C-alpha atoms as a PDB file:
ATOM      1  CA  UNK A   1     -43.905 -11.634   0.649  1.00  0.00           C
ATOM      2  CA  UNK A   2     -43.581  -9.065  -2.030  1.00  0.00           C
ATOM      3  CA  UNK A   3     -42.186  -6.527   0.381  1.00  0.00           C
ATOM      4  CA  UNK A   4     -39.293  -8.673   1.220  1.00  0.00           C
ATOM      5  CA  UNK A   5     -38.766  -9.670  -2.638  1.00  0.00           C
ATOM      6  CA  UNK A   6     -38.801  -5.856  -3.417  1.00  0.00           C
ATOM      7  CA  UNK A   7     -36.393  -5.071  -0.905  1.00  0.00           C
ATOM      8  CA  UNK A   8     -33.956  -8.016  -1.579  1.00  0.00           C
ATOM      9  CA  UNK A   9     -34.280  -6.331  -5.183  1.00  0.00           C
ATOM     10  CA  UNK A  10     -33.228  -2.954  -4.092  1.00  0.00           C
ATOM     11  CA  UNK A  11     -30.567  -4.449  -1.920  1.00  0.00           C
ATOM     12  CA  UNK A  12     -28.907  -6.360  -4.832  1.00  0.00           C
ATOM     13  CA  UNK A  13     -29.126  -3.296  -7.149  1.00  0.00           C
ATOM     14  CA  UNK A  14     -27.180  -1.270  -4.563  1.00  0.00           C
ATOM     15  CA  UNK A  15     -24.455  -3.781  -3.807  1.00  0.00           C
ATOM     16  CA  UNK A  16     -24.180  -4.262  -7.629  1.00  0.00           C
ATOM     17  CA  UNK A  17     -23.696  -0.414  -8.158  1.00  0.00           C
ATOM     18  CA  UNK A  18     -21.014  -0.058  -5.410  1.00  0.00           C
ATOM     19  CA  UNK A  19     -17.930   0.890  -7.121  1.00  0.00           C
ATOM     20  CA  UNK A  20     -14.363  -1.352  -6.471  1.00  0.00           C
ATOM     21  CA  UNK A  21     -12.661  -0.593  -3.147  1.00  0.00           C
ATOM     22  CA  UNK A  22      -9.044  -0.021  -3.123  1.00  0.00           C
ATOM     23  CA  UNK A  23      -7.147  -0.517   0.315  1.00  0.00           C
ATOM     24  CA  UNK A  24      -3.369  -0.626   0.888  1.00  0.00           C
ATOM     25  CA  UNK A  25      -1.732  -4.029   1.018  1.00  0.00           C
ATOM     26  CA  UNK A  26       2.011  -2.952   1.585  1.00  0.00           C
ATOM     27  CA  UNK A  27       3.077   0.539   2.170  1.00  0.00           C
ATOM     28  CA  UNK A  28       6.265   1.650   2.990  1.00  0.00           C
ATOM     29  CA  UNK A  29       6.921   5.433   3.638  1.00  0.00           C
ATOM     30  CA  UNK A  30      10.744   5.994   4.356  1.00  0.00           C
ATOM     31  CA  UNK A  31      10.405   9.301   6.117  1.00  0.00           C
ATOM     32  CA  UNK A  32      11.641  12.661   5.403  1.00  0.00           C
ATOM     33  CA  UNK A  33      14.642  12.404   3.126  1.00  0.00           C
ATOM     34  CA  UNK A  34      17.847  13.806   5.020  1.00  0.00           C
ATOM     35  CA  UNK A  35      18.884  15.927   1.728  1.00  0.00           C
ATOM     36  CA  UNK A  36      15.273  17.598   1.420  1.00  0.00           C
ATOM     37  CA  UNK A  37      15.328  17.995   5.292  1.00  0.00           C
ATOM     38  CA  UNK A  38      18.815  19.898   4.887  1.00  0.00           C
ATOM     39  CA  UNK A  39      17.753  21.902   2.173  1.00  0.00           C
ATOM     40  CA  UNK A  40      14.402  22.813   4.152  1.00  0.00           C
ATOM     41  CA  UNK A  41      12.274  21.409   1.154  1.00  0.00           C
ATOM     42  CA  UNK A  42       8.509  21.271   2.434  1.00  0.00           C
ATOM     43  CA  UNK A  43       5.001  21.612   0.881  1.00  0.00           C
ATOM     44  CA  UNK A  44       2.223  19.430  -0.760  1.00  0.00           C
ATOM     45  CA  UNK A  45       2.642  16.928  -3.362  1.00  0.00           C
ATOM     46  CA  UNK A  46      -0.425  15.175  -5.226  1.00  0.00           C
ATOM     47  CA  UNK A  47       0.194  11.841  -6.310  1.00  0.00           C
ATOM     48  CA  UNK A  48      -1.918  10.157  -9.051  1.00  0.00           C
ATOM     49  CA  UNK A  49      -1.504   6.327  -8.913  1.00  0.00           C
ATOM     50  CA  UNK A  50      -2.895   4.003 -11.560  1.00  0.00           C
ATOM     51  CA  UNK A  51      -3.517   0.641  -9.810  1.00  0.00           C
ATOM     52  CA  UNK A  52      -3.911  -2.657 -11.945  1.00  0.00           C
ATOM     53  CA  UNK A  53      -6.864  -4.933 -10.666  1.00  0.00           C
ATOM     54  CA  UNK A  54      -4.102  -6.993  -9.318  1.00  0.00           C
ATOM     55  CA  UNK A  55      -2.953  -4.349  -6.892  1.00  0.00           C
ATOM     56  CA  UNK A  56       0.292  -3.067  -8.442  1.00  0.00           C
ATOM     57  CA  UNK A  57       1.040   0.615  -9.192  1.00  0.00           C
ATOM     58  CA  UNK A  58       1.427   0.647 -12.813  1.00  0.00           C
ATOM     59  CA  UNK A  59       2.076   4.184 -13.148  1.00  0.00           C
ATOM     60  CA  UNK A  60       2.752   7.395 -10.911  1.00  0.00           C
ATOM     61  CA  UNK A  61       2.620  11.001 -11.295  1.00  0.00           C
ATOM     62  CA  UNK A  62       3.697  13.667  -8.945  1.00  0.00           C
ATOM     63  CA  UNK A  63       2.217  17.129  -8.890  1.00  0.00           C
ATOM     64  CA  UNK A  64       2.787  20.147  -6.879  1.00  0.00           C
ATOM     65  CA  UNK A  65       1.961  23.905  -6.763  1.00  0.00           C
ATOM     66  CA  UNK A  66       5.054  24.829  -4.367  1.00  0.00           C
ATOM     67  CA  UNK A  67       7.417  26.966  -6.694  1.00  0.00           C
ATOM     68  CA  UNK A  68      10.373  25.677  -4.403  1.00  0.00           C
ATOM     69  CA  UNK A  69       9.436  21.874  -4.796  1.00  0.00           C
ATOM     70  CA  UNK A  70       9.122  22.430  -8.544  1.00  0.00           C
ATOM     71  CA  UNK A  71      12.314  23.885  -8.796  1.00  0.00           C
ATOM     72  CA  UNK A  72      13.996  21.017  -6.612  1.00  0.00           C
ATOM     73  CA  UNK A  73      11.882  17.997  -7.157  1.00  0.00           C
ATOM     74  CA  UNK A  74      13.711  15.889  -4.894  1.00  0.00           C
ATOM     75  CA  UNK A  75      10.686  15.046  -2.834  1.00  0.00           C
ATOM     76  CA  UNK A  76       8.569  14.160  -5.986  1.00  0.00           C
ATOM     77  CA  UNK A  77      11.429  11.761  -7.068  1.00  0.00           C
ATOM     78  CA  UNK A  78      11.504   9.957  -3.736  1.00  0.00           C
ATOM     79  CA  UNK A  79       7.662   9.734  -3.610  1.00  0.00           C
ATOM     80  CA  UNK A  80       7.827   8.339  -7.286  1.00  0.00           C
ATOM     81  CA  UNK A  81      10.495   5.751  -6.393  1.00  0.00           C
ATOM     82  CA  UNK A  82       8.525   4.876  -3.065  1.00  0.00           C
ATOM     83  CA  UNK A  83       5.085   4.547  -4.295  1.00  0.00           C
ATOM     84  CA  UNK A  84       5.719   2.369  -7.384  1.00  0.00           C
ATOM     85  CA  UNK A  85       6.872  -0.349  -4.630  1.00  0.00           C
ATOM     86  CA  UNK A  86       3.642  -0.036  -2.950  1.00  0.00           C
ATOM     87  CA  UNK A  87       0.704  -2.885  -3.340  1.00  0.00           C
ATOM     88  CA  UNK A  88      -3.028  -2.622  -2.928  1.00  0.00           C
ATOM     89  CA  UNK A  89      -5.869  -4.927  -2.685  1.00  0.00           C
ATOM     90  CA  UNK A  90      -8.805  -4.485  -4.867  1.00  0.00           C
ATOM     91  CA  UNK A  91     -12.013  -5.528  -3.626  1.00  0.00           C
ATOM     92  CA  UNK A  92     -14.993  -5.927  -6.317  1.00  0.00           C
ATOM     93  CA  UNK A  93     -12.375  -4.877  -9.088  1.00  0.00           C
ATOM     94  CA  UNK A  94     -12.783  -6.222 -12.643  1.00  0.00           C
ATOM     95  CA  UNK A  95      -9.807  -8.187 -14.261  1.00  0.00           C
ATOM     96  CA  UNK A  96      -7.681  -6.308 -16.699  1.00  0.00           C
ATOM     97  CA  UNK A  97      -9.456  -3.056 -15.605  1.00  0.00           C
ATOM     98  CA  UNK A  98      -7.000  -0.311 -13.822  1.00  0.00           C
ATOM     99  CA  UNK A  99      -8.074   2.185 -11.126  1.00  0.00           C
ATOM    100  CA  UNK A 100      -6.772   5.590 -10.041  1.00  0.00           C
ATOM    101  CA  UNK A 101      -6.319   7.011  -6.921  1.00  0.00           C
ATOM    102  CA  UNK A 102      -4.706  10.262  -5.590  1.00  0.00           C
ATOM    103  CA  UNK A 103      -2.818  10.640  -2.514  1.00  0.00           C
ATOM    104  CA  UNK A 104      -1.765  14.152  -0.781  1.00  0.00           C
ATOM    105  CA  UNK A 105       1.599  14.088   0.921  1.00  0.00           C
ATOM    106  CA  UNK A 106       2.431  17.023   2.868  1.00  0.00           C
ATOM    107  CA  UNK A 107       6.147  17.312   4.164  1.00  0.00           C
ATOM    108  CA  UNK A 108       6.384  19.725   6.924  1.00  0.00           C
ATOM    109  CA  UNK A 109       9.291  20.938   8.891  1.00  0.00           C
ATOM    110  CA  UNK A 110       8.679  22.269  12.441  1.00  0.00           C
ATOM    111  CA  UNK A 111      10.490  23.424  15.688  1.00  0.00           C
ATOM    112  CA  UNK A 112      13.621  25.538  16.007  1.00  0.00           C
ATOM    113  CA  UNK A 113      16.166  23.336  14.653  1.00  0.00           C
ATOM    114  CA  UNK A 114      17.662  20.217  15.362  1.00  0.00           C
ATOM    115  CA  UNK A 115      21.258  19.189  14.884  1.00  0.00           C
ATOM    116  CA  UNK A 116      20.632  15.345  14.905  1.00  0.00           C
ATOM    117  CA  UNK A 117      19.594  13.413  11.975  1.00  0.00           C
ATOM    118  CA  UNK A 118      15.728  13.200  11.884  1.00  0.00           C
ATOM    119  CA  UNK A 119      13.735  10.734   9.744  1.00  0.00           C
ATOM    120  CA  UNK A 120      10.628  12.274  11.293  1.00  0.00           C
ATOM    121  CA  UNK A 121       7.196  10.952  11.743  1.00  0.00           C
ATOM    122  CA  UNK A 122       4.718   9.865   9.431  1.00  0.00           C
ATOM    123  CA  UNK A 123       0.809  10.085  10.081  1.00  0.00           C
ATOM    124  CA  UNK A 124      -2.002   8.675   7.621  1.00  0.00           C
ATOM    125  CA  UNK A 125      -5.241  10.250   7.412  1.00  0.00           C
ATOM    126  CA  UNK A 126      -6.526   7.690   4.687  1.00  0.00           C
ATOM    127  CA  UNK A 127      -7.664   7.107   2.182  1.00  0.00           C
ATOM    128  CA  UNK A 128      -6.109  10.068   0.741  1.00  0.00           C
ATOM    129  CA  UNK A 129      -3.366  12.066   2.844  1.00  0.00           C
ATOM    130  CA  UNK A 130      -0.125  11.202   4.248  1.00  0.00           C
ATOM    131  CA  UNK A 131       1.714  13.686   6.352  1.00  0.00           C
ATOM    132  CA  UNK A 132       5.628  13.441   6.972  1.00  0.00           C
ATOM    133  CA  UNK A 133       7.046  15.764   9.630  1.00  0.00           C
ATOM    134  CA  UNK A 134      10.604  16.459  10.844  1.00  0.00           C
ATOM    135  CA  UNK A 135      12.239  18.786  12.978  1.00  0.00           C
ATOM    136  CA  UNK A 136      13.860  21.695  11.027  1.00  0.00           C
ATOM    137  CA  UNK A 137      17.795  21.457  10.612  1.00  0.00           C
ATOM    138  CA  UNK A 138      20.245  23.552  12.428  1.00  0.00           C
ATOM    139  CA  UNK A 139      21.051  26.757  10.774  1.00  0.00           C
ATOM    140  CA  UNK A 140      24.520  26.579   8.787  1.00  0.00           C
ATOM    141  CA  UNK A 141      27.196  29.243  10.042  1.00  0.00           C
END
């Protein structure tokens, strides 16, 4: 009987120590922006999201090490606009606390060129990575 009580106390303390879980409730990824595709902007952007205990994104910050994306921040602006509309569900979150989560967005242009508008494909490797692929635009004469 004492062994069972000890196991229950141990399990209870492990459950109590478990950190809150943030899960996606509503995520809308609009694909590869047409202007960014035409300008052949691609690279990796780190998005730091601040999420309230109610699941709303209260702040978002975009960072990249790509010199081209730093010079032309079109993709960062698109991600800031997009992620601020997302909502999350927080399991085990305390009221009035905020939580931070970092997502990595990878934008890739592939292939030899496609003259047609291409919003691309989106793949999720959650909880941390979103990859958005589109075909390269045709070279301009």
